[in-house]
PDB file of N, CA and C in Angstrom:
ATOM      1  N   MET A   1      16.958  17.525  22.887  1.00  0.00           N
ATOM      2  CA  MET A   1      17.928  17.294  21.840  1.00  0.00           C
ATOM      3  C   MET A   1      17.815  15.844  21.375  1.00  0.00           C
ATOM      4  N   GLN A   2      17.496  15.679  20.122  1.00  0.00           N
ATOM      5  CA  GLN A   2      17.418  14.329  19.561  1.00  0.00           C
ATOM      6  C   GLN A   2      18.730  14.018  18.853  1.00  0.00           C
ATOM      7  N   VAL A   3      19.267  12.861  19.148  1.00  0.00           N
ATOM      8  CA  VAL A   3      20.508  12.429  18.508  1.00  0.00           C
ATOM      9  C   VAL A   3      20.162  11.877  17.140  1.00  0.00           C
ATOM     10  N   ARG A   4      20.833  12.344  16.131  1.00  0.00           N
ATOM     11  CA  ARG A   4      20.593  11.885  14.764  1.00  0.00           C
ATOM     12  C   ARG A   4      21.711  10.927  14.396  1.00  0.00           C
ATOM     13  N   VAL A   5      21.383   9.655  14.291  1.00  0.00           N
ATOM     14  CA  VAL A   5      22.369   8.639  13.915  1.00  0.00           C
ATOM     15  C   VAL A   5      22.151   8.338  12.445  1.00  0.00           C
ATOM     16  N   THR A   6      23.122   8.666  11.627  1.00  0.00           N
ATOM     17  CA  THR A   6      22.986   8.418  10.193  1.00  0.00           C
ATOM     18  C   THR A   6      24.051   7.437   9.736  1.00  0.00           C
ATOM     19  N   THR A   7      23.675   6.645   8.780  1.00  0.00           N
ATOM     20  CA  THR A   7      24.604   5.689   8.197  1.00  0.00           C
ATOM     21  C   THR A   7      25.129   6.278   6.896  1.00  0.00           C
ATOM     22  N   PRO A   8      26.438   6.438   6.766  1.00  0.00           N
ATOM     23  CA  PRO A   8      26.964   6.980   5.521  1.00  0.00           C
ATOM     24  C   PRO A   8      26.782   5.990   4.379  1.00  0.00           C
ATOM     25  N   PRO A   9      26.762   6.498   3.158  1.00  0.00           N
ATOM     26  CA  PRO A   9      26.638   5.569   2.030  1.00  0.00           C
ATOM     27  C   PRO A   9      27.860   4.658   1.971  1.00  0.00           C
ATOM     28  N   PRO A  10      27.661   3.438   1.469  1.00  0.00           N
ATOM     29  CA  PRO A  10      28.806   2.526   1.404  1.00  0.00           C
ATOM     30  C   PRO A  10      29.860   3.040   0.430  1.00  0.00           C
ATOM     31  N   PRO A  11      31.114   2.732   0.701  1.00  0.00           N
ATOM     32  CA  PRO A  11      32.165   3.148  -0.230  1.00  0.00           C
ATOM     33  C   PRO A  11      32.051   2.367  -1.533  1.00  0.00           C
ATOM     34  N   GLU A  12      32.727   2.854  -2.545  1.00  0.00           N
ATOM     35  CA  GLU A  12      32.722   2.179  -3.849  1.00  0.00           C
ATOM     36  C   GLU A  12      33.129   0.713  -3.691  1.00  0.00           C
ATOM     37  N   ASP A  13      34.108   0.493  -2.824  1.00  0.00           N
ATOM     38  CA  ASP A  13      34.598  -0.866  -2.586  1.00  0.00           C
ATOM     39  C   ASP A  13      34.155  -1.286  -1.189  1.00  0.00           C
ATOM     40  N   TYR A  14      33.101  -2.108  -1.110  1.00  0.00           N
ATOM     41  CA  TYR A  14      32.546  -2.510   0.186  1.00  0.00           C
ATOM     42  C   TYR A  14      33.513  -3.372   0.984  1.00  0.00           C
ATOM     43  N   SER A  15      34.604  -3.791   0.389  1.00  0.00           N
ATOM     44  CA  SER A  15      35.562  -4.625   1.109  1.00  0.00           C
ATOM     45  C   SER A  15      36.368  -3.821   2.129  1.00  0.00           C
ATOM     46  N   ASP A  16      36.157  -2.500   2.190  1.00  0.00           N
ATOM     47  CA  ASP A  16      36.839  -1.672   3.175  1.00  0.00           C
ATOM     48  C   ASP A  16      36.498  -2.193   4.574  1.00  0.00           C
ATOM     49  N   SER A  17      37.481  -2.727   5.269  1.00  0.00           N
ATOM     50  CA  SER A  17      37.225  -3.416   6.537  1.00  0.00           C
ATOM     51  C   SER A  17      36.682  -2.481   7.618  1.00  0.00           C
ATOM     52  N   LYS A  18      37.080  -1.229   7.623  1.00  0.00           N
ATOM     53  CA  LYS A  18      36.573  -0.284   8.624  1.00  0.00           C
ATOM     54  C   LYS A  18      35.070  -0.080   8.436  1.00  0.00           C
ATOM     55  N   TYR A  19      34.643   0.101   7.209  1.00  0.00           N
ATOM     56  CA  TYR A  19      33.215   0.290   6.929  1.00  0.00           C
ATOM     57  C   TYR A  19      32.437  -0.971   7.287  1.00  0.00           C
ATOM     58  N   ARG A  20      32.947  -2.128   6.918  1.00  0.00           N
ATOM     59  CA  ARG A  20      32.266  -3.396   7.227  1.00  0.00           C
ATOM     60  C   ARG A  20      32.166  -3.606   8.730  1.00  0.00           C
ATOM     61  N   TYR A  21      33.172  -3.161   9.470  1.00  0.00           N
ATOM     62  CA  TYR A  21      33.147  -3.310  10.924  1.00  0.00           C
ATOM     63  C   TYR A  21      32.116  -2.377  11.553  1.00  0.00           C
ATOM     64  N   LEU A  22      32.091  -1.130  11.108  1.00  0.00           N
ATOM     65  CA  LEU A  22      31.181  -0.144  11.690  1.00  0.00           C
ATOM     66  C   LEU A  22      29.736  -0.327  11.247  1.00  0.00           C
ATOM     67  N   TYR A  23      29.531  -0.822  10.037  1.00  0.00           N
ATOM     68  CA  TYR A  23      28.179  -0.974   9.483  1.00  0.00           C
ATOM     69  C   TYR A  23      27.998  -2.377   8.911  1.00  0.00           C
ATOM     70  N   PRO A  24      27.978  -3.388   9.780  1.00  0.00           N
ATOM     71  CA  PRO A  24      27.868  -4.761   9.268  1.00  0.00           C
ATOM     72  C   PRO A  24      26.515  -5.020   8.617  1.00  0.00           C
ATOM     73  N   ARG A  25      26.519  -5.823   7.599  1.00  0.00           N
ATOM     74  CA  ARG A  25      25.288  -6.239   6.913  1.00  0.00           C
ATOM     75  C   ARG A  25      25.325  -7.747   6.769  1.00  0.00           C
ATOM     76  N   SER A  26      24.160  -8.345   6.910  1.00  0.00           N
ATOM     77  CA  SER A  26      24.041  -9.783   6.711  1.00  0.00           C
ATOM     78  C   SER A  26      23.276 -10.032   5.429  1.00  0.00           C
ATOM     79  N   HIS A  27      23.519 -11.174   4.820  1.00  0.00           N
ATOM     80  CA  HIS A  27      22.809 -11.526   3.596  1.00  0.00           C
ATOM     81  C   HIS A  27      21.363 -11.848   3.923  1.00  0.00           C
ATOM     82  N   TYR A  28      20.465 -11.511   3.008  1.00  0.00           N
ATOM     83  CA  TYR A  28      19.048 -11.817   3.186  1.00  0.00           C
ATOM     84  C   TYR A  28      18.805 -13.255   2.773  1.00  0.00           C
ATOM     85  N   ARG A  29      18.144 -14.028   3.630  1.00  0.00           N
ATOM     86  CA  ARG A  29      17.928 -15.442   3.364  1.00  0.00           C
ATOM     87  C   ARG A  29      16.454 -15.814   3.253  1.00  0.00           C
ATOM     88  N   GLY A  30      15.569 -14.851   3.302  1.00  0.00           N
ATOM     89  CA  GLY A  30      14.138 -15.144   3.241  1.00  0.00           C
ATOM     90  C   GLY A  30      13.620 -15.218   1.818  1.00  0.00           C
ATOM     91  N   LYS A  31      12.289 -15.258   1.709  1.00  0.00           N
ATOM     92  CA  LYS A  31      11.640 -15.266   0.405  1.00  0.00           C
ATOM     93  C   LYS A  31      11.963 -13.946  -0.297  1.00  0.00           C
ATOM     94  N   PHE A  32      12.520 -14.040  -1.503  1.00  0.00           N
ATOM     95  CA  PHE A  32      12.969 -12.831  -2.179  1.00  0.00           C
ATOM     96  C   PHE A  32      11.824 -12.100  -2.861  1.00  0.00           C
ATOM     97  N   THR A  33      11.626 -10.883  -2.433  1.00  0.00           N
ATOM     98  CA  THR A  33      10.811  -9.898  -3.137  1.00  0.00           C
ATOM     99  C   THR A  33      11.525  -8.569  -2.919  1.00  0.00           C
ATOM    100  N   PRO A  34      11.352  -7.604  -3.806  1.00  0.00           N
ATOM    101  CA  PRO A  34      11.989  -6.303  -3.577  1.00  0.00           C
ATOM    102  C   PRO A  34      11.576  -5.677  -2.239  1.00  0.00           C
ATOM    103  N   ALA A  35      10.297  -5.851  -1.867  1.00  0.00           N
ATOM    104  CA  ALA A  35       9.820  -5.280  -0.604  1.00  0.00           C
ATOM    105  C   ALA A  35      10.498  -5.954   0.591  1.00  0.00           C
ATOM    106  N   ASN A  36      10.617  -7.283   0.548  1.00  0.00           N
ATOM    107  CA  ASN A  36      11.277  -7.997   1.647  1.00  0.00           C
ATOM    108  C   ASN A  36      12.738  -7.595   1.765  1.00  0.00           C
ATOM    109  N   LEU A  37      13.406  -7.429   0.640  1.00  0.00           N
ATOM    110  CA  LEU A  37      14.808  -7.031   0.648  1.00  0.00           C
ATOM    111  C   LEU A  37      14.965  -5.622   1.221  1.00  0.00           C
ATOM    112  N   ALA A  38      14.080  -4.707   0.807  1.00  0.00           N
ATOM    113  CA  ALA A  38      14.131  -3.336   1.319  1.00  0.00           C
ATOM    114  C   ALA A  38      13.867  -3.310   2.823  1.00  0.00           C
ATOM    115  N   PHE A  39      12.870  -4.083   3.268  1.00  0.00           N
ATOM    116  CA  PHE A  39      12.564  -4.099   4.695  1.00  0.00           C
ATOM    117  C   PHE A  39      13.716  -4.708   5.486  1.00  0.00           C
ATOM    118  N   ASN A  40      14.348  -5.734   4.950  1.00  0.00           N
ATOM    119  CA  ASN A  40      15.493  -6.336   5.624  1.00  0.00           C
ATOM    120  C   ASN A  40      16.604  -5.307   5.813  1.00  0.00           C
ATOM    121  N   ALA A  41      16.859  -4.501   4.787  1.00  0.00           N
ATOM    122  CA  ALA A  41      17.879  -3.452   4.900  1.00  0.00           C
ATOM    123  C   ALA A  41      17.475  -2.439   5.972  1.00  0.00           C
ATOM    124  N   ASN A  42      16.181  -2.068   5.993  1.00  0.00           N
ATOM    125  CA  ASN A  42      15.695  -1.132   7.010  1.00  0.00           C
ATOM    126  C   ASN A  42      15.829  -1.725   8.410  1.00  0.00           C
ATOM    127  N   LEU A  43      15.534  -3.008   8.537  1.00  0.00           N
ATOM    128  CA  LEU A  43      15.624  -3.687   9.827  1.00  0.00           C
ATOM    129  C   LEU A  43      17.070  -3.738  10.318  1.00  0.00           C
ATOM    130  N   GLN A  44      17.999  -4.020   9.425  1.00  0.00           N
ATOM    131  CA  GLN A  44      19.407  -4.054   9.812  1.00  0.00           C
ATOM    132  C   GLN A  44      19.893  -2.666  10.218  1.00  0.00           C
ATOM    133  N   GLU A  45      19.445  -1.642   9.489  1.00  0.00           N
ATOM    134  CA  GLU A  45      19.830  -0.274   9.833  1.00  0.00           C
ATOM    135  C   GLU A  45      19.248   0.112  11.194  1.00  0.00           C
ATOM    136  N   PHE A  46      18.009  -0.281  11.456  1.00  0.00           N
ATOM    137  CA  PHE A  46      17.383  -0.032  12.757  1.00  0.00           C
ATOM    138  C   PHE A  46      18.239  -0.648  13.868  1.00  0.00           C
ATOM    139  N   GLY A  47      18.604  -1.898  13.695  1.00  0.00           N
ATOM    140  CA  GLY A  47      19.403  -2.580  14.709  1.00  0.00           C
ATOM    141  C   GLY A  47      20.738  -1.900  14.951  1.00  0.00           C
ATOM    142  N   GLN A  48      21.375  -1.472  13.878  1.00  0.00           N
ATOM    143  CA  GLN A  48      22.676  -0.813  14.002  1.00  0.00           C
ATOM    144  C   GLN A  48      22.543   0.512  14.745  1.00  0.00           C
ATOM    145  N   LYS A  49      21.501   1.280  14.427  1.00  0.00           N
ATOM    146  CA  LYS A  49      21.300   2.563  15.101  1.00  0.00           C
ATOM    147  C   LYS A  49      20.979   2.370  16.579  1.00  0.00           C
ATOM    148  N   VAL A  50      20.210   1.335  16.901  1.00  0.00           N
ATOM    149  CA  VAL A  50      19.908   1.045  18.308  1.00  0.00           C
ATOM    150  C   VAL A  50      21.199   0.742  19.064  1.00  0.00           C
ATOM    151  N   ILE A  51      22.095  -0.002  18.444  1.00  0.00           N
ATOM    152  CA  ILE A  51      23.382  -0.308  19.080  1.00  0.00           C
ATOM    153  C   ILE A  51      24.149   0.977  19.388  1.00  0.00           C
ATOM    154  N   TYR A  52      24.185   1.912  18.429  1.00  0.00           N
ATOM    155  CA  TYR A  52      24.898   3.173  18.649  1.00  0.00           C
ATOM    156  C   TYR A  52      24.242   3.995  19.757  1.00  0.00           C
ATOM    157  N   ILE A  53      22.915   4.059  19.744  1.00  0.00           N
ATOM    158  CA  ILE A  53      22.205   4.826  20.772  1.00  0.00           C
ATOM    159  C   ILE A  53      22.469   4.220  22.148  1.00  0.00           C
ATOM    160  N   CYS A  54      22.436   2.910  22.245  1.00  0.00           N
ATOM    161  CA  CYS A  54      22.726   2.246  23.524  1.00  0.00           C
ATOM    162  C   CYS A  54      24.153   2.552  23.983  1.00  0.00           C
ATOM    163  N   GLY A  55      25.073   2.574  23.053  1.00  0.00           N
ATOM    164  CA  GLY A  55      26.454   2.914  23.396  1.00  0.00           C
ATOM    165  C   GLY A  55      26.580   4.339  23.895  1.00  0.00           C
ATOM    166  N   LEU A  56      25.865   5.269  23.255  1.00  0.00           N
ATOM    167  CA  LEU A  56      25.888   6.666  23.701  1.00  0.00           C
ATOM    168  C   LEU A  56      25.294   6.802  25.100  1.00  0.00           C
ATOM    169  N   GLU A  57      24.221   6.067  25.357  1.00  0.00           N
ATOM    170  CA  GLU A  57      23.585   6.131  26.680  1.00  0.00           C
ATOM    171  C   GLU A  57      24.482   5.498  27.737  1.00  0.00           C
ATOM    172  N   THR A  58      25.067   4.363  27.417  1.00  0.00           N
ATOM    173  CA  THR A  58      25.933   3.666  28.369  1.00  0.00           C
ATOM    174  C   THR A  58      27.146   4.510  28.745  1.00  0.00           C
ATOM    175  N   SER A  59      27.677   5.246  27.769  1.00  0.00           N
ATOM    176  CA  SER A  59      28.865   6.065  28.040  1.00  0.00           C
ATOM    177  C   SER A  59      28.515   7.427  28.634  1.00  0.00           C
ATOM    178  N   GLY A  60      27.229   7.686  28.843  1.00  0.00           N
ATOM    179  CA  GLY A  60      26.823   8.942  29.469  1.00  0.00           C
ATOM    180  C   GLY A  60      26.711  10.118  28.522  1.00  0.00           C
ATOM    181  N   LYS A  61      26.781   9.889  27.234  1.00  0.00           N
ATOM    182  CA  LYS A  61      26.690  10.982  26.257  1.00  0.00           C
ATOM    183  C   LYS A  61      25.255  11.484  26.103  1.00  0.00           C
ATOM    184  N   ILE A  62      24.276  10.591  26.303  1.00  0.00           N
ATOM    185  CA  ILE A  62      22.868  10.979  26.275  1.00  0.00           C
ATOM    186  C   ILE A  62      22.172  10.322  27.471  1.00  0.00           C
ATOM    187  N   SER A  63      21.036  10.885  27.858  1.00  0.00           N
ATOM    188  CA  SER A  63      20.296  10.342  29.001  1.00  0.00           C
ATOM    189  C   SER A  63      19.517   9.093  28.598  1.00  0.00           C
ATOM    190  N   SER A  64      19.083   8.357  29.601  1.00  0.00           N
ATOM    191  CA  SER A  64      18.259   7.174  29.343  1.00  0.00           C
ATOM    192  C   SER A  64      16.955   7.571  28.674  1.00  0.00           C
ATOM    193  N   LEU A  65      16.386   8.679  29.110  1.00  0.00           N
ATOM    194  CA  LEU A  65      15.139   9.160  28.518  1.00  0.00           C
ATOM    195  C   LEU A  65      15.337   9.521  27.045  1.00  0.00           C
ATOM    196  N   GLN A  66      16.468  10.160  26.742  1.00  0.00           N
ATOM    197  CA  GLN A  66      16.766  10.508  25.351  1.00  0.00           C
ATOM    198  C   GLN A  66      16.961   9.254  24.509  1.00  0.00           C
ATOM    199  N   ALA A  67      17.667   8.279  25.046  1.00  0.00           N
ATOM    200  CA  ALA A  67      17.884   7.024  24.323  1.00  0.00           C
ATOM    201  C   ALA A  67      16.553   6.338  24.054  1.00  0.00           C
ATOM    202  N   TYR A  68      15.691   6.297  25.059  1.00  0.00           N
ATOM    203  CA  TYR A  68      14.371   5.679  24.892  1.00  0.00           C
ATOM    204  C   TYR A  68      13.581   6.394  23.802  1.00  0.00           C
ATOM    205  N   SER A  69      13.586   7.709  23.846  1.00  0.00           N
ATOM    206  CA  SER A  69      12.852   8.502  22.855  1.00  0.00           C
ATOM    207  C   SER A  69      13.387   8.262  21.445  1.00  0.00           C
ATOM    208  N   ASP A  70      14.698   8.238  21.304  1.00  0.00           N
ATOM    209  CA  ASP A  70      15.310   8.022  19.986  1.00  0.00           C
ATOM    210  C   ASP A  70      14.980   6.633  19.443  1.00  0.00           C
ATOM    211  N   ILE A  71      15.057   5.630  20.314  1.00  0.00           N
ATOM    212  CA  ILE A  71      14.755   4.263  19.874  1.00  0.00           C
ATOM    213  C   ILE A  71      13.275   4.133  19.534  1.00  0.00           C
ATOM    214  N   LYS A  72      12.427   4.783  20.305  1.00  0.00           N
ATOM    215  CA  LYS A  72      10.989   4.757  20.021  1.00  0.00           C
ATOM    216  C   LYS A  72      10.700   5.384  18.657  1.00  0.00           C
ATOM    217  N   ASN A  73      11.376   6.495  18.338  1.00  0.00           N
ATOM    218  CA  ASN A  73      11.200   7.131  17.025  1.00  0.00           C
ATOM    219  C   ASN A  73      11.693   6.228  15.898  1.00  0.00           C
ATOM    220  N   LEU A  74      12.820   5.564  16.120  1.00  0.00           N
ATOM    221  CA  LEU A  74      13.323   4.624  15.114  1.00  0.00           C
ATOM    222  C   LEU A  74      12.334   3.477  14.905  1.00  0.00           C
ATOM    223  N   TRP A  75      11.730   3.000  15.997  1.00  0.00           N
ATOM    224  CA  TRP A  75      10.748   1.920  15.912  1.00  0.00           C
ATOM    225  C   TRP A  75       9.540   2.361  15.085  1.00  0.00           C
ATOM    226  N   LYS A  76       9.091   3.593  15.320  1.00  0.00           N
ATOM    227  CA  LYS A  76       7.952   4.116  14.547  1.00  0.00           C
ATOM    228  C   LYS A  76       8.297   4.182  13.059  1.00  0.00           C
ATOM    229  N   GLN A  77       9.521   4.594  12.756  1.00  0.00           N
ATOM    230  CA  GLN A  77       9.951   4.644  11.356  1.00  0.00           C
ATOM    231  C   GLN A  77       9.968   3.245  10.750  1.00  0.00           C
ATOM    232  N   LEU A  78      10.429   2.261  11.516  1.00  0.00           N
ATOM    233  CA  LEU A  78      10.481   0.884  11.024  1.00  0.00           C
ATOM    234  C   LEU A  78       9.071   0.346  10.796  1.00  0.00           C
ATOM    235  N   LYS A  79       8.155   0.631  11.717  1.00  0.00           N
ATOM    236  CA  LYS A  79       6.765   0.195  11.555  1.00  0.00           C
ATOM    237  C   LYS A  79       6.130   0.842  10.322  1.00  0.00           C
ATOM    238  N   LYS A  80       6.446   2.121  10.092  1.00  0.00           N
ATOM    239  CA  LYS A  80       5.924   2.820   8.915  1.00  0.00           C
ATOM    240  C   LYS A  80       6.478   2.182   7.644  1.00  0.00           C
ATOM    241  N   SER A  81       7.754   1.829   7.666  1.00  0.00           N
ATOM    242  CA  SER A  81       8.378   1.160   6.525  1.00  0.00           C
ATOM    243  C   SER A  81       7.689  -0.169   6.251  1.00  0.00           C
ATOM    244  N   LYS A  82       7.419  -0.931   7.312  1.00  0.00           N
ATOM    245  CA  LYS A  82       6.737  -2.223   7.179  1.00  0.00           C
ATOM    246  C   LYS A  82       5.366  -2.044   6.544  1.00  0.00           C
ATOM    247  N   LYS A  83       4.649  -1.041   7.007  1.00  0.00           N
ATOM    248  CA  LYS A  83       3.306  -0.777   6.472  1.00  0.00           C
ATOM    249  C   LYS A  83       3.377  -0.341   5.010  1.00  0.00           C
ATOM    250  N   ASN A  84       4.292   0.569   4.690  1.00  0.00           N
ATOM    251  CA  ASN A  84       4.418   1.074   3.316  1.00  0.00           C
ATOM    252  C   ASN A  84       4.847  -0.007   2.335  1.00  0.00           C
ATOM    253  N   LEU A  85       5.625  -0.976   2.807  1.00  0.00           N
ATOM    254  CA  LEU A  85       6.101  -2.058   1.941  1.00  0.00           C
ATOM    255  C   LEU A  85       5.150  -3.258   1.934  1.00  0.00           C
ATOM    256  N   ASN A  86       4.063  -3.168   2.702  1.00  0.00           N
ATOM    257  CA  ASN A  86       3.074  -4.255   2.810  1.00  0.00           C
ATOM    258  C   ASN A  86       3.714  -5.565   3.263  1.00  0.00           C
ATOM    259  N   ILE A  87       4.568  -5.482   4.253  1.00  0.00           N
ATOM    260  CA  ILE A  87       5.226  -6.664   4.794  1.00  0.00           C
ATOM    261  C   ILE A  87       4.314  -7.295   5.843  1.00  0.00           C
ATOM    262  N   GLY A  88       4.107  -8.594   5.732  1.00  0.00           N
ATOM    263  CA  GLY A  88       3.327  -9.316   6.722  1.00  0.00           C
ATOM    264  C   GLY A  88       1.828  -9.283   6.515  1.00  0.00           C
ATOM    265  N   ASN A  89       1.355  -8.602   5.478  1.00  0.00           N
ATOM    266  CA  ASN A  89      -0.085  -8.527   5.238  1.00  0.00           C
ATOM    267  C   ASN A  89      -0.649  -9.834   4.711  1.00  0.00           C
ATOM    268  N   ASP A  90       0.208 -10.689   4.183  1.00  0.00           N
ATOM    269  CA  ASP A  90      -0.263 -11.956   3.620  1.00  0.00           C
ATOM    270  C   ASP A  90      -0.200 -13.108   4.624  1.00  0.00           C
ATOM    271  N   LEU A  91       0.153 -12.809   5.881  1.00  0.00           N
ATOM    272  CA  LEU A  91       0.220 -13.849   6.902  1.00  0.00           C
ATOM    273  C   LEU A  91      -1.184 -14.201   7.379  1.00  0.00           C
ATOM    274  N   PRO A  92      -1.444 -15.481   7.641  1.00  0.00           N
ATOM    275  CA  PRO A  92      -2.766 -15.863   8.142  1.00  0.00           C
ATOM    276  C   PRO A  92      -2.972 -15.357   9.568  1.00  0.00           C
ATOM    277  N   GLU A  93      -4.204 -15.023   9.892  1.00  0.00           N
ATOM    278  CA  GLU A  93      -4.531 -14.562  11.242  1.00  0.00           C
ATOM    279  C   GLU A  93      -4.439 -15.726  12.210  1.00  0.00           C
ATOM    280  N   GLN A  94      -3.982 -15.463  13.422  1.00  0.00           N
ATOM    281  CA  GLN A  94      -3.839 -16.539  14.414  1.00  0.00           C
ATOM    282  C   GLN A  94      -4.870 -16.404  15.497  1.00  0.00           C
TER     283      GLN A  94
END
């Protein structure tokens, strides 16, 4: 059984304190490009979902193995997003 953690769309008025508490977002401060902004949103969503999965595992709602599997799948989705948005391809090789 895979736990599906979904983020609901934001309300018309984002000032709703309950929504801001449950789904916090930080302002993007990096070099602005549409791809960077999209990846930042994906990264924040990844982090939020990991927090929920960890909470479910800690409270005994899902097993450690299930939590690991879910987080691994989220990581794969984030890596795919990074690749599709061409993030980091312009960095010099080290």
